Every structure is written in C-alpha cells, then in structure tokens.
PDB file of N, CA and C in Angstrom:
ATOM      1  N   MET A   1       8.824  16.794 -17.982  1.00  0.00           N
ATOM      2  CA  MET A   1       8.535  15.387 -17.858  1.00  0.00           C
ATOM      3  C   MET A   1       8.457  15.026 -16.364  1.00  0.00           C
ATOM      4  N   GLU A   2       7.440  14.254 -16.018  1.00  0.00           N
ATOM      5  CA  GLU A   2       7.212  13.907 -14.612  1.00  0.00           C
ATOM      6  C   GLU A   2       7.547  12.431 -14.376  1.00  0.00           C
ATOM      7  N   PHE A   3       8.320  12.169 -13.335  1.00  0.00           N
ATOM      8  CA  PHE A   3       8.675  10.794 -12.998  1.00  0.00           C
ATOM      9  C   PHE A   3       8.053  10.436 -11.658  1.00  0.00           C
ATOM     10  N   ASN A   4       7.318   9.363 -11.632  1.00  0.00           N
ATOM     11  CA  ASN A   4       6.717   8.890 -10.398  1.00  0.00           C
ATOM     12  C   ASN A   4       7.503   7.706  -9.856  1.00  0.00           C
ATOM     13  N   MET A   5       7.567   7.647  -8.546  1.00  0.00           N
ATOM     14  CA  MET A   5       8.164   6.490  -7.886  1.00  0.00           C
ATOM     15  C   MET A   5       7.102   5.398  -7.822  1.00  0.00           C
ATOM     16  N   VAL A   6       7.539   4.166  -7.782  1.00  0.00           N
ATOM     17  CA  VAL A   6       6.639   3.042  -7.558  1.00  0.00           C
ATOM     18  C   VAL A   6       7.247   2.194  -6.449  1.00  0.00           C
ATOM     19  N   GLU A   7       6.460   1.954  -5.421  1.00  0.00           N
ATOM     20  CA  GLU A   7       6.895   1.083  -4.332  1.00  0.00           C
ATOM     21  C   GLU A   7       5.925  -0.083  -4.249  1.00  0.00           C
ATOM     22  N   VAL A   8       6.476  -1.262  -4.006  1.00  0.00           N
ATOM     23  CA  VAL A   8       5.661  -2.468  -3.919  1.00  0.00           C
ATOM     24  C   VAL A   8       5.897  -3.103  -2.549  1.00  0.00           C
ATOM     25  N   PHE A   9       4.799  -3.405  -1.882  1.00  0.00           N
ATOM     26  CA  PHE A   9       4.852  -3.974  -0.536  1.00  0.00           C
ATOM     27  C   PHE A   9       4.191  -5.349  -0.519  1.00  0.00           C
ATOM     28  N   LYS A  10       4.752  -6.235   0.270  1.00  0.00           N
ATOM     29  CA  LYS A  10       4.161  -7.547   0.531  1.00  0.00           C
ATOM     30  C   LYS A  10       3.296  -7.392   1.781  1.00  0.00           C
ATOM     31  N   THR A  11       2.046  -7.897   1.726  1.00  0.00           N
ATOM     32  CA  THR A  11       1.152  -7.794   2.875  1.00  0.00           C
ATOM     33  C   THR A  11       0.561  -9.163   3.201  1.00  0.00           C
ATOM     34  N   ASN A  12      -0.202  -9.197   4.277  1.00  0.00           N
ATOM     35  CA  ASN A  12      -0.939 -10.422   4.618  1.00  0.00           C
ATOM     36  C   ASN A  12      -2.447 -10.196   4.508  1.00  0.00           C
ATOM     37  N   ILE A  13      -2.839  -9.235   3.710  1.00  0.00           N
ATOM     38  CA  ILE A  13      -4.259  -8.946   3.498  1.00  0.00           C
ATOM     39  C   ILE A  13      -4.825  -9.990   2.542  1.00  0.00           C
ATOM     40  N   ARG A  14      -5.893 -10.638   2.961  1.00  0.00           N
ATOM     41  CA  ARG A  14      -6.409 -11.756   2.176  1.00  0.00           C
ATOM     42  C   ARG A  14      -7.739 -11.471   1.494  1.00  0.00           C
ATOM     43  N   TYR A  15      -8.512 -10.553   2.023  1.00  0.00           N
ATOM     44  CA  TYR A  15      -9.878 -10.372   1.543  1.00  0.00           C
ATOM     45  C   TYR A  15     -10.095  -8.976   0.966  1.00  0.00           C
ATOM     46  N   LYS A  16     -10.963  -8.898  -0.039  1.00  0.00           N
ATOM     47  CA  LYS A  16     -11.264  -7.621  -0.690  1.00  0.00           C
ATOM     48  C   LYS A  16     -11.805  -6.605   0.310  1.00  0.00           C
ATOM     49  N   ARG A  17     -12.595  -7.060   1.257  1.00  0.00           N
ATOM     50  CA  ARG A  17     -13.173  -6.162   2.262  1.00  0.00           C
ATOM     51  C   ARG A  17     -12.068  -5.483   3.071  1.00  0.00           C
ATOM     52  N   GLN A  18     -11.054  -6.265   3.458  1.00  0.00           N
ATOM     53  CA  GLN A  18      -9.919  -5.713   4.209  1.00  0.00           C
ATOM     54  C   GLN A  18      -9.152  -4.706   3.350  1.00  0.00           C
ATOM     55  N   ALA A  19      -8.925  -5.068   2.103  1.00  0.00           N
ATOM     56  CA  ALA A  19      -8.168  -4.208   1.195  1.00  0.00           C
ATOM     57  C   ALA A  19      -8.917  -2.897   0.948  1.00  0.00           C
ATOM     58  N   LYS A  20     -10.232  -2.981   0.788  1.00  0.00           N
ATOM     59  CA  LYS A  20     -11.032  -1.780   0.527  1.00  0.00           C
ATOM     60  C   LYS A  20     -10.979  -0.813   1.711  1.00  0.00           C
ATOM     61  N   LEU A  21     -11.103  -1.348   2.920  1.00  0.00           N
ATOM     62  CA  LEU A  21     -11.039  -0.520   4.122  1.00  0.00           C
ATOM     63  C   LEU A  21      -9.667   0.148   4.254  1.00  0.00           C
ATOM     64  N   LEU A  22      -8.633  -0.633   4.050  1.00  0.00           N
ATOM     65  CA  LEU A  22      -7.280  -0.099   4.157  1.00  0.00           C
ATOM     66  C   LEU A  22      -6.988   0.902   3.044  1.00  0.00           C
ATOM     67  N   LEU A  23      -7.507   0.642   1.862  1.00  0.00           N
ATOM     68  CA  LEU A  23      -7.332   1.561   0.748  1.00  0.00           C
ATOM     69  C   LEU A  23      -7.943   2.929   1.076  1.00  0.00           C
ATOM     70  N   CYS A  24      -9.093   2.935   1.723  1.00  0.00           N
ATOM     71  CA  CYS A  24      -9.719   4.199   2.145  1.00  0.00           C
ATOM     72  C   CYS A  24      -8.827   4.946   3.131  1.00  0.00           C
ATOM     73  N   ARG A  25      -8.294   4.241   4.092  1.00  0.00           N
ATOM     74  CA  ARG A  25      -7.430   4.877   5.096  1.00  0.00           C
ATOM     75  C   ARG A  25      -6.130   5.396   4.487  1.00  0.00           C
ATOM     76  N   LEU A  26      -5.541   4.610   3.601  1.00  0.00           N
ATOM     77  CA  LEU A  26      -4.309   5.043   2.937  1.00  0.00           C
ATOM     78  C   LEU A  26      -4.569   6.259   2.053  1.00  0.00           C
ATOM     79  N   SER A  27      -5.690   6.253   1.340  1.00  0.00           N
ATOM     80  CA  SER A  27      -6.018   7.365   0.446  1.00  0.00           C
ATOM     81  C   SER A  27      -6.283   8.649   1.218  1.00  0.00           C
ATOM     82  N   GLU A  28      -6.878   8.526   2.402  1.00  0.00           N
ATOM     83  CA  GLU A  28      -7.094   9.704   3.246  1.00  0.00           C
ATOM     84  C   GLU A  28      -5.761  10.289   3.710  1.00  0.00           C
ATOM     85  N   GLN A  29      -4.854   9.414   4.109  1.00  0.00           N
ATOM     86  CA  GLN A  29      -3.564   9.844   4.635  1.00  0.00           C
ATOM     87  C   GLN A  29      -2.613  10.330   3.531  1.00  0.00           C
ATOM     88  N   PHE A  30      -2.717   9.704   2.351  1.00  0.00           N
ATOM     89  CA  PHE A  30      -1.815  10.007   1.232  1.00  0.00           C
ATOM     90  C   PHE A  30      -2.627  10.302  -0.035  1.00  0.00           C
ATOM     91  N   PRO A  31      -3.340  11.437  -0.074  1.00  0.00           N
ATOM     92  CA  PRO A  31      -4.262  11.711  -1.180  1.00  0.00           C
ATOM     93  C   PRO A  31      -3.602  11.902  -2.551  1.00  0.00           C
ATOM     94  N   LEU A  32      -2.323  12.192  -2.590  1.00  0.00           N
ATOM     95  CA  LEU A  32      -1.649  12.433  -3.868  1.00  0.00           C
ATOM     96  C   LEU A  32      -1.059  11.167  -4.485  1.00  0.00           C
ATOM     97  N   LEU A  33      -1.187  10.036  -3.796  1.00  0.00           N
ATOM     98  CA  LEU A  33      -0.611   8.780  -4.287  1.00  0.00           C
ATOM     99  C   LEU A  33      -1.683   7.905  -4.926  1.00  0.00           C
ATOM    100  N   GLN A  34      -1.278   7.153  -5.932  1.00  0.00           N
ATOM    101  CA  GLN A  34      -2.137   6.132  -6.541  1.00  0.00           C
ATOM    102  C   GLN A  34      -1.846   4.836  -5.797  1.00  0.00           C
ATOM    103  N   ILE A  35      -2.874   4.220  -5.230  1.00  0.00           N
ATOM    104  CA  ILE A  35      -2.673   3.048  -4.375  1.00  0.00           C
ATOM    105  C   ILE A  35      -3.634   1.947  -4.803  1.00  0.00           C
ATOM    106  N   ASN A  36      -3.118   0.718  -4.924  1.00  0.00           N
ATOM    107  CA  ASN A  36      -4.007  -0.406  -5.210  1.00  0.00           C
ATOM    108  C   ASN A  36      -3.427  -1.701  -4.656  1.00  0.00           C
ATOM    109  N   PHE A  37      -4.278  -2.702  -4.597  1.00  0.00           N
ATOM    110  CA  PHE A  37      -3.900  -4.023  -4.111  1.00  0.00           C
ATOM    111  C   PHE A  37      -4.014  -5.038  -5.228  1.00  0.00           C
ATOM    112  N   ASP A  38      -3.152  -6.041  -5.198  1.00  0.00           N
ATOM    113  CA  ASP A  38      -3.269  -7.217  -6.057  1.00  0.00           C
ATOM    114  C   ASP A  38      -3.332  -8.426  -5.140  1.00  0.00           C
ATOM    115  N   LEU A  39      -4.554  -8.806  -4.768  1.00  0.00           N
ATOM    116  CA  LEU A  39      -4.733  -9.925  -3.837  1.00  0.00           C
ATOM    117  C   LEU A  39      -4.595 -11.273  -4.531  1.00  0.00           C
ATOM    118  N   GLU A  40      -4.554 -11.280  -5.855  1.00  0.00           N
ATOM    119  CA  GLU A  40      -4.360 -12.521  -6.604  1.00  0.00           C
ATOM    120  C   GLU A  40      -2.898 -12.974  -6.539  1.00  0.00           C
ATOM    121  N   ASP A  41      -1.998 -12.026  -6.341  1.00  0.00           N
ATOM    122  CA  ASP A  41      -0.569 -12.334  -6.244  1.00  0.00           C
ATOM    123  C   ASP A  41      -0.296 -13.079  -4.939  1.00  0.00           C
ATOM    124  N   CYS A  42       0.644 -13.991  -4.946  1.00  0.00           N
ATOM    125  CA  CYS A  42       0.957 -14.776  -3.746  1.00  0.00           C
ATOM    126  C   CYS A  42       1.453 -13.903  -2.592  1.00  0.00           C
ATOM    127  N   ASP A  43       1.998 -12.716  -2.902  1.00  0.00           N
ATOM    128  CA  ASP A  43       2.493 -11.807  -1.871  1.00  0.00           C
ATOM    129  C   ASP A  43       1.462 -10.768  -1.444  1.00  0.00           C
ATOM    130  N   LYS A  44       0.235 -10.863  -1.977  1.00  0.00           N
ATOM    131  CA  LYS A  44      -0.848  -9.926  -1.608  1.00  0.00           C
ATOM    132  C   LYS A  44      -0.339  -8.482  -1.701  1.00  0.00           C
ATOM    133  N   ILE A  45       0.022  -8.099  -2.902  1.00  0.00           N
ATOM    134  CA  ILE A  45       0.748  -6.866  -3.195  1.00  0.00           C
ATOM    135  C   ILE A  45      -0.057  -5.600  -2.907  1.00  0.00           C
ATOM    136  N   LEU A  46       0.621  -4.655  -2.272  1.00  0.00           N
ATOM    137  CA  LEU A  46       0.157  -3.276  -2.150  1.00  0.00           C
ATOM    138  C   LEU A  46       1.097  -2.458  -3.023  1.00  0.00           C
ATOM    139  N   ARG A  47       0.537  -1.789  -4.042  1.00  0.00           N
ATOM    140  CA  ARG A  47       1.347  -1.009  -4.982  1.00  0.00           C
ATOM    141  C   ARG A  47       1.023   0.465  -4.796  1.00  0.00           C
ATOM    142  N   VAL A  48       2.074   1.260  -4.651  1.00  0.00           N
ATOM    143  CA  VAL A  48       1.921   2.696  -4.417  1.00  0.00           C
ATOM    144  C   VAL A  48       2.740   3.439  -5.465  1.00  0.00           C
ATOM    145  N   GLU A  49       2.091   4.420  -6.107  1.00  0.00           N
ATOM    146  CA  GLU A  49       2.764   5.196  -7.143  1.00  0.00           C
ATOM    147  C   GLU A  49       2.552   6.678  -6.889  1.00  0.00           C
ATOM    148  N   GLY A  50       3.616   7.453  -7.065  1.00  0.00           N
ATOM    149  CA  GLY A  50       3.516   8.893  -6.897  1.00  0.00           C
ATOM    150  C   GLY A  50       4.871   9.499  -6.581  1.00  0.00           C
ATOM    151  N   GLU A  51       4.829  10.754  -6.166  1.00  0.00           N
ATOM    152  CA  GLU A  51       6.062  11.451  -5.792  1.00  0.00           C
ATOM    153  C   GLU A  51       6.229  11.391  -4.276  1.00  0.00           C
ATOM    154  N   ASN A  52       7.457  11.324  -3.836  1.00  0.00           N
ATOM    155  CA  ASN A  52       7.773  11.389  -2.401  1.00  0.00           C
ATOM    156  C   ASN A  52       7.033  10.343  -1.569  1.00  0.00           C
ATOM    157  N   ILE A  53       7.199   9.100  -1.928  1.00  0.00           N
ATOM    158  CA  ILE A  53       6.585   8.005  -1.175  1.00  0.00           C
ATOM    159  C   ILE A  53       7.448   7.702   0.036  1.00  0.00           C
ATOM    160  N   CYS A  54       6.839   7.710   1.206  1.00  0.00           N
ATOM    161  CA  CYS A  54       7.560   7.359   2.432  1.00  0.00           C
ATOM    162  C   CYS A  54       7.191   5.929   2.819  1.00  0.00           C
ATOM    163  N   GLN A  55       8.089   4.997   2.532  1.00  0.00           N
ATOM    164  CA  GLN A  55       7.848   3.577   2.795  1.00  0.00           C
ATOM    165  C   GLN A  55       7.481   3.326   4.247  1.00  0.00           C
ATOM    166  N   GLU A  56       8.205   3.987   5.143  1.00  0.00           N
ATOM    167  CA  GLU A  56       8.002   3.746   6.576  1.00  0.00           C
ATOM    168  C   GLU A  56       6.599   4.168   7.018  1.00  0.00           C
ATOM    169  N   GLU A  57       6.127   5.315   6.533  1.00  0.00           N
ATOM    170  CA  GLU A  57       4.803   5.799   6.925  1.00  0.00           C
ATOM    171  C   GLU A  57       3.703   4.882   6.404  1.00  0.00           C
ATOM    172  N   ILE A  58       3.860   4.392   5.196  1.00  0.00           N
ATOM    173  CA  ILE A  58       2.859   3.488   4.627  1.00  0.00           C
ATOM    174  C   ILE A  58       2.843   2.176   5.401  1.00  0.00           C
ATOM    175  N   ALA A  59       4.016   1.598   5.635  1.00  0.00           N
ATOM    176  CA  ALA A  59       4.104   0.339   6.375  1.00  0.00           C
ATOM    177  C   ALA A  59       3.555   0.496   7.792  1.00  0.00           C
ATOM    178  N   GLU A  60       3.814   1.645   8.407  1.00  0.00           N
ATOM    179  CA  GLU A  60       3.343   1.902   9.764  1.00  0.00           C
ATOM    180  C   GLU A  60       1.809   2.001   9.804  1.00  0.00           C
ATOM    181  N   LEU A  61       1.227   2.689   8.829  1.00  0.00           N
ATOM    182  CA  LEU A  61      -0.231   2.810   8.791  1.00  0.00           C
ATOM    183  C   LEU A  61      -0.883   1.438   8.611  1.00  0.00           C
ATOM    184  N   VAL A  62      -0.311   0.623   7.738  1.00  0.00           N
ATOM    185  CA  VAL A  62      -0.837  -0.731   7.523  1.00  0.00           C
ATOM    186  C   VAL A  62      -0.717  -1.536   8.816  1.00  0.00           C
ATOM    187  N   ALA A  63       0.432  -1.455   9.468  1.00  0.00           N
ATOM    188  CA  ALA A  63       0.655  -2.182  10.729  1.00  0.00           C
ATOM    189  C   ALA A  63      -0.288  -1.697  11.823  1.00  0.00           C
ATOM    190  N   ASP A  64      -0.531  -0.389  11.875  1.00  0.00           N
ATOM    191  CA  ASP A  64      -1.443   0.170  12.873  1.00  0.00           C
ATOM    192  C   ASP A  64      -2.863  -0.350  12.707  1.00  0.00           C
ATOM    193  N   ASN A  65      -3.171  -0.833  11.510  1.00  0.00           N
ATOM    194  CA  ASN A  65      -4.490  -1.398  11.238  1.00  0.00           C
ATOM    195  C   ASN A  65      -4.507  -2.920  11.381  1.00  0.00           C
ATOM    196  N   GLY A  66      -3.400  -3.467  11.900  1.00  0.00           N
ATOM    197  CA  GLY A  66      -3.363  -4.888  12.238  1.00  0.00           C
ATOM    198  C   GLY A  66      -2.853  -5.828  11.170  1.00  0.00           C
ATOM    199  N   TYR A  67      -2.181  -5.297  10.161  1.00  0.00           N
ATOM    200  CA  TYR A  67      -1.684  -6.148   9.077  1.00  0.00           C
ATOM    201  C   TYR A  67      -0.176  -6.033   8.947  1.00  0.00           C
ATOM    202  N   GLN A  68       0.410  -7.041   8.338  1.00  0.00           N
ATOM    203  CA  GLN A  68       1.846  -7.017   8.056  1.00  0.00           C
ATOM    204  C   GLN A  68       2.082  -6.327   6.731  1.00  0.00           C
ATOM    205  N   CYS A  69       3.198  -5.618   6.647  1.00  0.00           N
ATOM    206  CA  CYS A  69       3.535  -4.900   5.415  1.00  0.00           C
ATOM    207  C   CYS A  69       5.038  -4.703   5.375  1.00  0.00           C
ATOM    208  N   GLU A  70       5.666  -5.157   4.296  1.00  0.00           N
ATOM    209  CA  GLU A  70       7.096  -4.941   4.135  1.00  0.00           C
ATOM    210  C   GLU A  70       7.416  -4.653   2.685  1.00  0.00           C
ATOM    211  N   VAL A  71       8.422  -3.833   2.476  1.00  0.00           N
ATOM    212  CA  VAL A  71       8.836  -3.472   1.119  1.00  0.00           C
ATOM    213  C   VAL A  71       9.349  -4.732   0.427  1.00  0.00           C
ATOM    214  N   LEU A  72       8.875  -4.918  -0.788  1.00  0.00           N
ATOM    215  CA  LEU A  72       9.319  -6.057  -1.589  1.00  0.00           C
ATOM    216  C   LEU A  72      10.542  -5.624  -2.372  1.00  0.00           C
ATOM    217  N   ALA A  73      11.661  -6.302  -2.159  1.00  0.00           N
ATOM    218  CA  ALA A  73      12.916  -5.915  -2.819  1.00  0.00           C
ATOM    219  C   ALA A  73      12.991  -6.459  -4.225  1.00  0.00           C
TER     220      ALA A  73
END
C-alpha cells in the first residue's frame, strides 16, 4: 500500500497564466509530484501530492519566481 503526502500552500498567484508558468517550473524541478492550483480559493491554493515533499524547496522556488508561498496549517 502506498501513502502519499499532501501539502497545501497559500500563494498570491492571481491569474491562470501565472499559475501555468509556475506549474511548468515546479513540474520540471519536481517531476514525481502531482501539483495543481486552485485559484478560485481565497488563499490561491497550491496543492502538492507525492512522496518526500520538501516544503522549503517548493516555497523557495515559488519565491524565486516572484510570488509569496507559505504552508497552510
């Protein structure tokens, strides 16, 4: 039986174009993770699912691209 971690991040990404670009960069860096955005949510959610998710690396990559990203508790 396989158990995947799920991490949810709050972002300031507002537009689909921004999310699509960032999704490409995240997928290149973390090819084994399932990654998606929910821009309809008030927290502009970035959801990451998979094994061995490094919150800091994901948040850093998002920040390096000019956006805010923090783990949603």
